[in-house]
PDB file of all heavy atoms in Angstrom:
ATOM      1  N   ALA A   1      27.059 -16.633  -0.960  1.00  0.00           N
ATOM      2  CA  ALA A   1      27.683 -17.418  -2.005  1.00  0.00           C
ATOM      3  C   ALA A   1      27.899 -18.871  -1.583  1.00  0.00           C
ATOM      4  O   ALA A   1      28.403 -19.147  -0.488  1.00  0.00           O
ATOM      5  CB  ALA A   1      29.005 -16.786  -2.412  1.00  0.00           C
ATOM      6  N   HIS A   2      27.525 -19.786  -2.469  1.00  0.00           N
ATOM      7  CA  HIS A   2      27.705 -21.218  -2.253  1.00  0.00           C
ATOM      8  C   HIS A   2      28.218 -21.856  -3.555  1.00  0.00           C
ATOM      9  O   HIS A   2      27.999 -21.342  -4.649  1.00  0.00           O
ATOM     10  CB  HIS A   2      26.376 -21.879  -1.871  1.00  0.00           C
ATOM     11  CG  HIS A   2      25.817 -21.426  -0.565  1.00  0.00           C
ATOM     12  ND1 HIS A   2      25.900 -22.184   0.569  1.00  0.00           N
ATOM     13  CD2 HIS A   2      25.168 -20.301  -0.213  1.00  0.00           C
ATOM     14  CE1 HIS A   2      25.330 -21.537   1.583  1.00  0.00           C
ATOM     15  NE2 HIS A   2      24.863 -20.387   1.144  1.00  0.00           N
ATOM     16  N   SER A   3      28.850 -22.998  -3.401  1.00  0.00           N
ATOM     17  CA  SER A   3      29.202 -23.775  -4.590  1.00  0.00           C
ATOM     18  C   SER A   3      27.941 -24.309  -5.231  1.00  0.00           C
ATOM     19  O   SER A   3      26.986 -24.720  -4.557  1.00  0.00           O
ATOM     20  CB  SER A   3      30.111 -24.944  -4.201  1.00  0.00           C
ATOM     21  OG  SER A   3      30.266 -25.836  -5.288  1.00  0.00           O
ATOM     22  N   ALA A   4      27.922 -24.323  -6.569  1.00  0.00           N
ATOM     23  CA  ALA A   4      26.794 -24.917  -7.285  1.00  0.00           C
ATOM     24  C   ALA A   4      26.617 -26.386  -6.930  1.00  0.00           C
ATOM     25  O   ALA A   4      25.524 -26.932  -7.092  1.00  0.00           O
ATOM     26  CB  ALA A   4      26.986 -24.747  -8.787  1.00  0.00           C
ATOM     27  N   ARG A   5      27.652 -26.998  -6.436  1.00  0.00           N
ATOM     28  CA  ARG A   5      27.593 -28.427  -6.069  1.00  0.00           C
ATOM     29  C   ARG A   5      26.733 -28.657  -4.823  1.00  0.00           C
ATOM     30  O   ARG A   5      26.378 -29.807  -4.523  1.00  0.00           O
ATOM     31  CB  ARG A   5      29.002 -28.963  -5.840  1.00  0.00           C
ATOM     32  CG  ARG A   5      29.942 -28.757  -7.031  1.00  0.00           C
ATOM     33  CD  ARG A   5      31.369 -29.243  -6.726  1.00  0.00           C
ATOM     34  NE  ARG A   5      32.311 -28.786  -7.701  1.00  0.00           N
ATOM     35  CZ  ARG A   5      32.566 -29.387  -8.857  1.00  0.00           C
ATOM     36  NH1 ARG A   5      31.913 -30.479  -9.155  1.00  0.00           N
ATOM     37  NH2 ARG A   5      33.450 -28.907  -9.710  1.00  0.00           N
ATOM     38  N   GLU A   6      26.369 -27.586  -4.120  1.00  0.00           N
ATOM     39  CA  GLU A   6      25.599 -27.735  -2.883  1.00  0.00           C
ATOM     40  C   GLU A   6      24.102 -27.668  -3.108  1.00  0.00           C
ATOM     41  O   GLU A   6      23.318 -27.748  -2.150  1.00  0.00           O
ATOM     42  CB  GLU A   6      25.978 -26.620  -1.895  1.00  0.00           C
ATOM     43  CG  GLU A   6      27.452 -26.595  -1.477  1.00  0.00           C
ATOM     44  CD  GLU A   6      27.783 -25.416  -0.601  1.00  0.00           C
ATOM     45  OE1 GLU A   6      26.854 -24.859   0.042  1.00  0.00           O
ATOM     46  OE2 GLU A   6      28.949 -24.976  -0.599  1.00  0.00           O
ATOM     47  N   GLY A   7      23.649 -27.544  -4.356  1.00  0.00           N
ATOM     48  CA  GLY A   7      22.251 -27.246  -4.609  1.00  0.00           C
ATOM     49  C   GLY A   7      21.374 -28.397  -5.039  1.00  0.00           C
ATOM     50  O   GLY A   7      20.267 -28.180  -5.533  1.00  0.00           O
ATOM     51  N   SER A   8      21.800 -29.628  -4.857  1.00  0.00           N
ATOM     52  CA  SER A   8      21.050 -30.762  -5.371  1.00  0.00           C
ATOM     53  C   SER A   8      19.659 -30.901  -4.754  1.00  0.00           C
ATOM     54  O   SER A   8      18.765 -31.509  -5.355  1.00  0.00           O
ATOM     55  CB  SER A   8      21.835 -32.067  -5.172  1.00  0.00           C
ATOM     56  OG  SER A   8      22.111 -32.281  -3.799  1.00  0.00           O
ATOM     57  N   ASP A   9      19.465 -30.375  -3.563  1.00  0.00           N
ATOM     58  CA  ASP A   9      18.159 -30.491  -2.895  1.00  0.00           C
ATOM     59  C   ASP A   9      17.266 -29.279  -3.129  1.00  0.00           C
ATOM     60  O   ASP A   9      16.161 -29.210  -2.565  1.00  0.00           O
ATOM     61  CB  ASP A   9      18.366 -30.673  -1.388  1.00  0.00           C
ATOM     62  CG  ASP A   9      19.033 -31.988  -1.046  1.00  0.00           C
ATOM     63  OD1 ASP A   9      18.873 -32.989  -1.809  1.00  0.00           O
ATOM     64  OD2 ASP A   9      19.746 -32.045  -0.023  1.00  0.00           O
ATOM     65  N   ILE A  10      17.740 -28.325  -3.958  1.00  0.00           N
ATOM     66  CA  ILE A  10      16.948 -27.107  -4.174  1.00  0.00           C
ATOM     67  C   ILE A  10      16.275 -27.177  -5.549  1.00  0.00           C
ATOM     68  O   ILE A  10      16.878 -26.892  -6.590  1.00  0.00           O
ATOM     69  CB  ILE A  10      17.835 -25.862  -4.087  1.00  0.00           C
ATOM     70  CG1 ILE A  10      18.528 -25.805  -2.706  1.00  0.00           C
ATOM     71  CG2 ILE A  10      17.008 -24.590  -4.302  1.00  0.00           C
ATOM     72  CD1 ILE A  10      19.532 -24.676  -2.554  1.00  0.00           C
ATOM     73  N   ALA A  11      15.013 -27.594  -5.546  1.00  0.00           N
ATOM     74  CA  ALA A  11      14.251 -27.695  -6.794  1.00  0.00           C
ATOM     75  C   ALA A  11      13.890 -26.291  -7.277  1.00  0.00           C
ATOM     76  O   ALA A  11      13.656 -25.386  -6.490  1.00  0.00           O
ATOM     77  CB  ALA A  11      12.989 -28.530  -6.572  1.00  0.00           C
ATOM     78  N   ILE A  12      13.826 -26.118  -8.603  1.00  0.00           N
ATOM     79  CA  ILE A  12      13.562 -24.805  -9.172  1.00  0.00           C
ATOM     80  C   ILE A  12      12.380 -24.854 -10.136  1.00  0.00           C
ATOM     81  O   ILE A  12      11.985 -25.929 -10.619  1.00  0.00           O
ATOM     82  CB  ILE A  12      14.802 -24.239  -9.904  1.00  0.00           C
ATOM     83  CG1 ILE A  12      15.159 -25.110 -11.128  1.00  0.00           C
ATOM     84  CG2 ILE A  12      15.984 -24.141  -8.941  1.00  0.00           C
ATOM     85  CD1 ILE A  12      16.206 -24.494 -12.024  1.00  0.00           C
ATOM     86  N   ASP A  13      11.835 -23.680 -10.415  1.00  0.00           N
ATOM     87  CA  ASP A  13      10.681 -23.544 -11.293  1.00  0.00           C
ATOM     88  C   ASP A  13      10.997 -22.798 -12.578  1.00  0.00           C
ATOM     89  O   ASP A  13      10.263 -22.923 -13.568  1.00  0.00           O
ATOM     90  CB  ASP A  13       9.549 -22.803 -10.578  1.00  0.00           C
ATOM     91  CG  ASP A  13       9.142 -23.473  -9.282  1.00  0.00           C
ATOM     92  OD1 ASP A  13       8.385 -24.473  -9.342  1.00  0.00           O
ATOM     93  OD2 ASP A  13       9.585 -23.026  -8.205  1.00  0.00           O
ATOM     94  N   GLN A  14      12.092 -22.039 -12.582  1.00  0.00           N
ATOM     95  CA  GLN A  14      12.368 -21.162 -13.726  1.00  0.00           C
ATOM     96  C   GLN A  14      13.861 -20.885 -13.807  1.00  0.00           C
ATOM     97  O   GLN A  14      14.549 -20.837 -12.782  1.00  0.00           O
ATOM     98  CB  GLN A  14      11.591 -19.854 -13.568  1.00  0.00           C
ATOM     99  CG  GLN A  14      11.817 -18.813 -14.650  1.00  0.00           C
ATOM    100  CD  GLN A  14      10.860 -17.664 -14.541  1.00  0.00           C
ATOM    101  OE1 GLN A  14       9.648 -17.804 -14.830  1.00  0.00           O
ATOM    102  NE2 GLN A  14      11.344 -16.476 -14.145  1.00  0.00           N
ATOM    103  N   ILE A  15      14.340 -20.688 -15.043  1.00  0.00           N
ATOM    104  CA  ILE A  15      15.677 -20.140 -15.258  1.00  0.00           C
ATOM    105  C   ILE A  15      15.540 -18.904 -16.150  1.00  0.00           C
ATOM    106  O   ILE A  15      14.684 -18.849 -17.025  1.00  0.00           O
ATOM    107  CB  ILE A  15      16.661 -21.147 -15.900  1.00  0.00           C
ATOM    108  CG1 ILE A  15      16.161 -21.612 -17.276  1.00  0.00           C
ATOM    109  CG2 ILE A  15      16.894 -22.325 -14.962  1.00  0.00           C
ATOM    110  CD1 ILE A  15      17.211 -22.432 -18.049  1.00  0.00           C
ATOM    111  N   VAL A  16      16.371 -17.912 -15.885  1.00  0.00           N
ATOM    112  CA  VAL A  16      16.442 -16.716 -16.709  1.00  0.00           C
ATOM    113  C   VAL A  16      17.903 -16.548 -17.142  1.00  0.00           C
ATOM    114  O   VAL A  16      18.794 -16.448 -16.279  1.00  0.00           O
ATOM    115  CB  VAL A  16      15.965 -15.457 -15.969  1.00  0.00           C
ATOM    116  CG1 VAL A  16      16.241 -14.194 -16.817  1.00  0.00           C
ATOM    117  CG2 VAL A  16      14.470 -15.557 -15.677  1.00  0.00           C
ATOM    118  N   ILE A  17      18.145 -16.502 -18.432  1.00  0.00           N
ATOM    119  CA  ILE A  17      19.496 -16.342 -18.975  1.00  0.00           C
ATOM    120  C   ILE A  17      19.495 -15.052 -19.782  1.00  0.00           C
ATOM    121  O   ILE A  17      18.852 -14.959 -20.833  1.00  0.00           O
ATOM    122  CB  ILE A  17      19.899 -17.549 -19.836  1.00  0.00           C
ATOM    123  CG1 ILE A  17      19.929 -18.810 -18.980  1.00  0.00           C
ATOM    124  CG2 ILE A  17      21.267 -17.303 -20.479  1.00  0.00           C
ATOM    125  CD1 ILE A  17      20.087 -20.099 -19.771  1.00  0.00           C
ATOM    126  N   GLY A  18      20.207 -14.044 -19.302  1.00  0.00           N
ATOM    127  CA  GLY A  18      20.243 -12.759 -19.970  1.00  0.00           C
ATOM    128  C   GLY A  18      20.581 -11.649 -18.987  1.00  0.00           C
ATOM    129  O   GLY A  18      21.324 -11.873 -18.036  1.00  0.00           O
ATOM    130  N   SER A  19      20.114 -10.451 -19.220  1.00  0.00           N
ATOM    131  CA  SER A  19      20.294  -9.260 -18.395  1.00  0.00           C
ATOM    132  C   SER A  19      21.544  -8.476 -18.811  1.00  0.00           C
ATOM    133  O   SER A  19      22.363  -8.960 -19.600  1.00  0.00           O
ATOM    134  CB  SER A  19      20.347  -9.568 -16.894  1.00  0.00           C
ATOM    135  OG  SER A  19      21.658  -9.956 -16.500  1.00  0.00           O
ATOM    136  N   CYS A  20      21.718  -7.280 -18.208  1.00  0.00           N
ATOM    137  CA  CYS A  20      22.910  -6.471 -18.464  1.00  0.00           C
ATOM    138  C   CYS A  20      24.165  -7.175 -17.964  1.00  0.00           C
ATOM    139  O   CYS A  20      25.274  -6.887 -18.391  1.00  0.00           O
ATOM    140  CB  CYS A  20      22.789  -5.088 -17.801  1.00  0.00           C
ATOM    141  SG  CYS A  20      22.670  -5.074 -16.008  1.00  0.00           S
ATOM    142  N   THR A  21      23.976  -8.132 -17.034  1.00  0.00           N
ATOM    143  CA  THR A  21      25.099  -8.838 -16.429  1.00  0.00           C
ATOM    144  C   THR A  21      25.588  -9.989 -17.295  1.00  0.00           C
ATOM    145  O   THR A  21      26.789 -10.232 -17.414  1.00  0.00           O
ATOM    146  CB  THR A  21      24.696  -9.363 -15.050  1.00  0.00           C
ATOM    147  OG1 THR A  21      24.069  -8.327 -14.302  1.00  0.00           O
ATOM    148  CG2 THR A  21      25.893  -9.882 -14.277  1.00  0.00           C
ATOM    149  N   ASN A  22      24.680 -10.735 -17.868  1.00  0.00           N
ATOM    150  CA  ASN A  22      25.037 -11.942 -18.607  1.00  0.00           C
ATOM    151  C   ASN A  22      24.170 -12.165 -19.833  1.00  0.00           C
ATOM    152  O   ASN A  22      23.683 -13.279 -20.067  1.00  0.00           O
ATOM    153  CB  ASN A  22      24.914 -13.158 -17.697  1.00  0.00           C
ATOM    154  CG  ASN A  22      26.091 -13.353 -16.753  1.00  0.00           C
ATOM    155  OD1 ASN A  22      25.938 -13.371 -15.533  1.00  0.00           O
ATOM    156  ND2 ASN A  22      27.277 -13.505 -17.302  1.00  0.00           N
ATOM    157  N   GLY A  23      24.032 -11.134 -20.654  1.00  0.00           N
ATOM    158  CA  GLY A  23      23.250 -11.268 -21.880  1.00  0.00           C
ATOM    159  C   GLY A  23      24.061 -11.146 -23.152  1.00  0.00           C
ATOM    160  O   GLY A  23      23.496 -10.994 -24.243  1.00  0.00           O
ATOM    161  N   GLN A  24      25.392 -11.236 -23.030  1.00  0.00           N
ATOM    162  CA  GLN A  24      26.258 -11.085 -24.181  1.00  0.00           C
ATOM    163  C   GLN A  24      26.343 -12.400 -24.968  1.00  0.00           C
ATOM    164  O   GLN A  24      25.950 -13.461 -24.495  1.00  0.00           O
ATOM    165  CB  GLN A  24      27.667 -10.638 -23.739  1.00  0.00           C
ATOM    166  CG  GLN A  24      27.670  -9.349 -22.948  1.00  0.00           C
ATOM    167  CD  GLN A  24      27.736  -8.114 -23.829  1.00  0.00           C
ATOM    168  OE1 GLN A  24      27.633  -8.202 -25.055  1.00  0.00           O
ATOM    169  NE2 GLN A  24      27.952  -6.955 -23.221  1.00  0.00           N
ATOM    170  N   LEU A  25      26.911 -12.332 -26.184  1.00  0.00           N
ATOM    171  CA  LEU A  25      26.987 -13.515 -27.022  1.00  0.00           C
ATOM    172  C   LEU A  25      27.747 -14.669 -26.356  1.00  0.00           C
ATOM    173  O   LEU A  25      27.288 -15.818 -26.426  1.00  0.00           O
ATOM    174  CB  LEU A  25      27.600 -13.175 -28.381  1.00  0.00           C
ATOM    175  CG  LEU A  25      27.535 -14.308 -29.416  1.00  0.00           C
ATOM    176  CD1 LEU A  25      26.103 -14.716 -29.724  1.00  0.00           C
ATOM    177  CD2 LEU A  25      28.247 -13.905 -30.709  1.00  0.00           C
ATOM    178  N   PRO A  26      28.883 -14.451 -25.699  1.00  0.00           N
ATOM    179  CA  PRO A  26      29.529 -15.576 -25.018  1.00  0.00           C
ATOM    180  C   PRO A  26      28.653 -16.191 -23.921  1.00  0.00           C
ATOM    181  O   PRO A  26      28.779 -17.386 -23.646  1.00  0.00           O
ATOM    182  CB  PRO A  26      30.802 -14.933 -24.422  1.00  0.00           C
ATOM    183  CG  PRO A  26      31.084 -13.770 -25.307  1.00  0.00           C
ATOM    184  CD  PRO A  26      29.725 -13.240 -25.677  1.00  0.00           C
ATOM    185  N   ASP A  27      27.788 -15.395 -23.311  1.00  0.00           N
ATOM    186  CA  ASP A  27      26.857 -15.948 -22.329  1.00  0.00           C
ATOM    187  C   ASP A  27      25.841 -16.852 -23.012  1.00  0.00           C
ATOM    188  O   ASP A  27      25.505 -17.932 -22.502  1.00  0.00           O
ATOM    189  CB  ASP A  27      26.118 -14.819 -21.611  1.00  0.00           C
ATOM    190  CG  ASP A  27      27.052 -13.904 -20.840  1.00  0.00           C
ATOM    191  OD1 ASP A  27      27.887 -14.426 -20.065  1.00  0.00           O
ATOM    192  OD2 ASP A  27      26.963 -12.670 -21.005  1.00  0.00           O
ATOM    193  N   MET A  28      25.344 -16.421 -24.159  1.00  0.00           N
ATOM    194  CA  MET A  28      24.432 -17.247 -24.928  1.00  0.00           C
ATOM    195  C   MET A  28      25.116 -18.542 -25.375  1.00  0.00           C
ATOM    196  O   MET A  28      24.533 -19.615 -25.339  1.00  0.00           O
ATOM    197  CB  MET A  28      23.921 -16.484 -26.157  1.00  0.00           C
ATOM    198  CG  MET A  28      23.212 -15.162 -25.863  1.00  0.00           C
ATOM    199  SD  MET A  28      21.623 -15.370 -25.028  1.00  0.00           S
ATOM    200  CE  MET A  28      22.018 -14.685 -23.408  1.00  0.00           C
ATOM    201  N   ALA A  29      26.374 -18.419 -25.789  1.00  0.00           N
ATOM    202  CA  ALA A  29      27.133 -19.586 -26.238  1.00  0.00           C
ATOM    203  C   ALA A  29      27.323 -20.581 -25.110  1.00  0.00           C
ATOM    204  O   ALA A  29      27.202 -21.804 -25.299  1.00  0.00           O
ATOM    205  CB  ALA A  29      28.480 -19.143 -26.786  1.00  0.00           C
ATOM    206  N   ALA A  30      27.630 -20.082 -23.904  1.00  0.00           N
ATOM    207  CA  ALA A  30      27.836 -20.959 -22.746  1.00  0.00           C
ATOM    208  C   ALA A  30      26.560 -21.714 -22.412  1.00  0.00           C
ATOM    209  O   ALA A  30      26.588 -22.907 -22.106  1.00  0.00           O
ATOM    210  CB  ALA A  30      28.308 -20.137 -21.553  1.00  0.00           C
ATOM    211  N   ALA A  31      25.429 -21.018 -22.445  1.00  0.00           N
ATOM    212  CA  ALA A  31      24.153 -21.667 -22.162  1.00  0.00           C
ATOM    213  C   ALA A  31      23.806 -22.667 -23.240  1.00  0.00           C
ATOM    214  O   ALA A  31      23.334 -23.786 -22.950  1.00  0.00           O
ATOM    215  CB  ALA A  31      23.062 -20.617 -22.028  1.00  0.00           C
ATOM    216  N   ALA A  32      24.021 -22.303 -24.501  1.00  0.00           N
ATOM    217  CA  ALA A  32      23.684 -23.191 -25.612  1.00  0.00           C
ATOM    218  C   ALA A  32      24.525 -24.465 -25.566  1.00  0.00           C
ATOM    219  O   ALA A  32      24.029 -25.544 -25.887  1.00  0.00           O
ATOM    220  CB  ALA A  32      23.892 -22.479 -26.942  1.00  0.00           C
ATOM    221  N   ALA A  33      25.779 -24.375 -25.174  1.00  0.00           N
ATOM    222  CA  ALA A  33      26.652 -25.546 -25.104  1.00  0.00           C
ATOM    223  C   ALA A  33      26.133 -26.552 -24.086  1.00  0.00           C
ATOM    224  O   ALA A  33      26.293 -27.770 -24.285  1.00  0.00           O
ATOM    225  CB  ALA A  33      28.078 -25.108 -24.734  1.00  0.00           C
ATOM    226  N   ILE A  34      25.525 -26.085 -23.021  1.00  0.00           N
ATOM    227  CA  ILE A  34      24.957 -26.947 -22.002  1.00  0.00           C
ATOM    228  C   ILE A  34      23.603 -27.514 -22.460  1.00  0.00           C
ATOM    229  O   ILE A  34      23.322 -28.712 -22.303  1.00  0.00           O
ATOM    230  CB  ILE A  34      24.771 -26.216 -20.663  1.00  0.00           C
ATOM    231  CG1 ILE A  34      26.075 -25.605 -20.179  1.00  0.00           C
ATOM    232  CG2 ILE A  34      24.183 -27.131 -19.606  1.00  0.00           C
ATOM    233  CD1 ILE A  34      27.138 -26.565 -19.790  1.00  0.00           C
ATOM    234  N   LEU A  35      22.756 -26.668 -23.041  1.00  0.00           N
ATOM    235  CA  LEU A  35      21.403 -27.062 -23.409  1.00  0.00           C
ATOM    236  C   LEU A  35      21.335 -27.925 -24.660  1.00  0.00           C
ATOM    237  O   LEU A  35      20.347 -28.644 -24.861  1.00  0.00           O
ATOM    238  CB  LEU A  35      20.553 -25.797 -23.621  1.00  0.00           C
ATOM    239  CG  LEU A  35      20.193 -24.997 -22.359  1.00  0.00           C
ATOM    240  CD1 LEU A  35      19.610 -23.644 -22.727  1.00  0.00           C
ATOM    241  CD2 LEU A  35      19.225 -25.766 -21.466  1.00  0.00           C
ATOM    242  N   LYS A  36      22.347 -27.869 -25.511  1.00  0.00           N
ATOM    243  CA  LYS A  36      22.310 -28.605 -26.771  1.00  0.00           C
ATOM    244  C   LYS A  36      22.068 -30.107 -26.525  1.00  0.00           C
ATOM    245  O   LYS A  36      22.804 -30.750 -25.775  1.00  0.00           O
ATOM    246  CB  LYS A  36      23.601 -28.408 -27.537  1.00  0.00           C
ATOM    247  CG  LYS A  36      23.553 -28.996 -28.957  1.00  0.00           C
ATOM    248  CD  LYS A  36      24.818 -28.664 -29.716  1.00  0.00           C
ATOM    249  CE  LYS A  36      24.725 -29.201 -31.149  1.00  0.00           C
ATOM    250  NZ  LYS A  36      25.951 -28.859 -31.931  1.00  0.00           N
ATOM    251  N   GLY A  37      21.051 -30.629 -27.189  1.00  0.00           N
ATOM    252  CA  GLY A  37      20.738 -32.038 -27.048  1.00  0.00           C
ATOM    253  C   GLY A  37      19.989 -32.386 -25.782  1.00  0.00           C
ATOM    254  O   GLY A  37      19.725 -33.582 -25.532  1.00  0.00           O
ATOM    255  N   HIS A  38      19.622 -31.400 -24.988  1.00  0.00           N
ATOM    256  CA  HIS A  38      18.882 -31.608 -23.760  1.00  0.00           C
ATOM    257  C   HIS A  38      17.552 -30.861 -23.787  1.00  0.00           C
ATOM    258  O   HIS A  38      17.318 -30.015 -24.655  1.00  0.00           O
ATOM    259  CB  HIS A  38      19.682 -31.158 -22.543  1.00  0.00           C
ATOM    260  CG  HIS A  38      20.942 -31.925 -22.303  1.00  0.00           C
ATOM    261  ND1 HIS A  38      22.147 -31.537 -22.838  1.00  0.00           N
ATOM    262  CD2 HIS A  38      21.193 -33.043 -21.579  1.00  0.00           C
ATOM    263  CE1 HIS A  38      23.090 -32.390 -22.451  1.00  0.00           C
ATOM    264  NE2 HIS A  38      22.533 -33.320 -21.702  1.00  0.00           N
ATOM    265  N   HIS A  39      16.707 -31.166 -22.823  1.00  0.00           N
ATOM    266  CA  HIS A  39      15.438 -30.440 -22.660  1.00  0.00           C
ATOM    267  C   HIS A  39      15.280 -30.062 -21.218  1.00  0.00           C
ATOM    268  O   HIS A  39      15.780 -30.770 -20.316  1.00  0.00           O
ATOM    269  CB  HIS A  39      14.261 -31.314 -23.109  1.00  0.00           C
ATOM    270  CG  HIS A  39      13.011 -30.539 -23.363  1.00  0.00           C
ATOM    271  ND1 HIS A  39      12.149 -30.119 -22.357  1.00  0.00           N
ATOM    272  CD2 HIS A  39      12.482 -30.074 -24.531  1.00  0.00           C
ATOM    273  CE1 HIS A  39      11.161 -29.450 -22.889  1.00  0.00           C
ATOM    274  NE2 HIS A  39      11.315 -29.400 -24.209  1.00  0.00           N
ATOM    275  N   LEU A  40      14.648 -28.938 -20.986  1.00  0.00           N
ATOM    276  CA  LEU A  40      14.385 -28.522 -19.628  1.00  0.00           C
ATOM    277  C   LEU A  40      13.592 -29.598 -18.884  1.00  0.00           C
ATOM    278  O   LEU A  40      12.796 -30.326 -19.469  1.00  0.00           O
ATOM    279  CB  LEU A  40      13.612 -27.194 -19.606  1.00  0.00           C
ATOM    280  CG  LEU A  40      14.285 -25.978 -20.218  1.00  0.00           C
ATOM    281  CD1 LEU A  40      13.357 -24.772 -20.146  1.00  0.00           C
ATOM    282  CD2 LEU A  40      15.608 -25.661 -19.524  1.00  0.00           C
ATOM    283  N   ALA A  41      13.810 -29.653 -17.578  1.00  0.00           N
ATOM    284  CA  ALA A  41      13.040 -30.548 -16.741  1.00  0.00           C
ATOM    285  C   ALA A  41      11.557 -30.216 -16.871  1.00  0.00           C
ATOM    286  O   ALA A  41      11.187 -29.074 -17.167  1.00  0.00           O
ATOM    287  CB  ALA A  41      13.504 -30.430 -15.283  1.00  0.00           C
ATOM    288  N   PRO A  42      10.669 -31.188 -16.648  1.00  0.00           N
ATOM    289  CA  PRO A  42       9.239 -31.001 -16.920  1.00  0.00           C
ATOM    290  C   PRO A  42       8.595 -29.768 -16.287  1.00  0.00           C
ATOM    291  O   PRO A  42       7.754 -29.176 -16.848  1.00  0.00           O
ATOM    292  CB  PRO A  42       8.619 -32.292 -16.356  1.00  0.00           C
ATOM    293  CG  PRO A  42       9.721 -33.312 -16.468  1.00  0.00           C
ATOM    294  CD  PRO A  42      10.983 -32.555 -16.194  1.00  0.00           C
ATOM    295  N   ASN A  43       8.969 -29.388 -15.151  1.00  0.00           N
ATOM    296  CA  ASN A  43       8.293 -28.286 -14.458  1.00  0.00           C
ATOM    297  C   ASN A  43       9.116 -27.003 -14.427  1.00  0.00           C
ATOM    298  O   ASN A  43       8.853 -26.120 -13.615  1.00  0.00           O
ATOM    299  CB  ASN A  43       7.938 -28.701 -13.043  1.00  0.00           C
ATOM    300  CG  ASN A  43       6.919 -29.851 -13.011  1.00  0.00           C
ATOM    301  OD1 ASN A  43       5.938 -29.839 -13.737  1.00  0.00           O
ATOM    302  ND2 ASN A  43       7.187 -30.835 -12.164  1.00  0.00           N
ATOM    303  N   VAL A  44      10.104 -26.884 -15.333  1.00  0.00           N
ATOM    304  CA  VAL A  44      10.962 -25.721 -15.367  1.00  0.00           C
ATOM    305  C   VAL A  44      10.661 -24.882 -16.605  1.00  0.00           C
ATOM    306  O   VAL A  44      10.607 -25.392 -17.711  1.00  0.00           O
ATOM    307  CB  VAL A  44      12.451 -26.110 -15.350  1.00  0.00           C
ATOM    308  CG1 VAL A  44      13.331 -24.865 -15.494  1.00  0.00           C
ATOM    309  CG2 VAL A  44      12.782 -26.829 -14.054  1.00  0.00           C
ATOM    310  N   ARG A  45      10.476 -23.589 -16.407  1.00  0.00           N
ATOM    311  CA  ARG A  45      10.308 -22.611 -17.501  1.00  0.00           C
ATOM    312  C   ARG A  45      11.654 -21.970 -17.803  1.00  0.00           C
ATOM    313  O   ARG A  45      12.402 -21.599 -16.876  1.00  0.00           O
ATOM    314  CB  ARG A  45       9.295 -21.532 -17.105  1.00  0.00           C
ATOM    315  CG  ARG A  45       7.975 -22.053 -16.564  1.00  0.00           C
ATOM    316  CD  ARG A  45       7.017 -20.962 -16.201  1.00  0.00           C
ATOM    317  NE  ARG A  45       7.477 -20.066 -15.144  1.00  0.00           N
ATOM    318  CZ  ARG A  45       7.310 -20.306 -13.830  1.00  0.00           C
ATOM    319  NH1 ARG A  45       6.703 -21.401 -13.428  1.00  0.00           N
ATOM    320  NH2 ARG A  45       7.733 -19.424 -12.939  1.00  0.00           N
TER     321      ARG A  45
END
């Protein structure tokens, strides 16, 4: 476990939002609140 603040040097290729762990409506709402008005980085799926 690390703080999310420690990850600035870790480039990523993909995000997955869902699963039995975090696929409920409040999870979708939390993701949508961040993504609204934004677009994924060019090389991120």
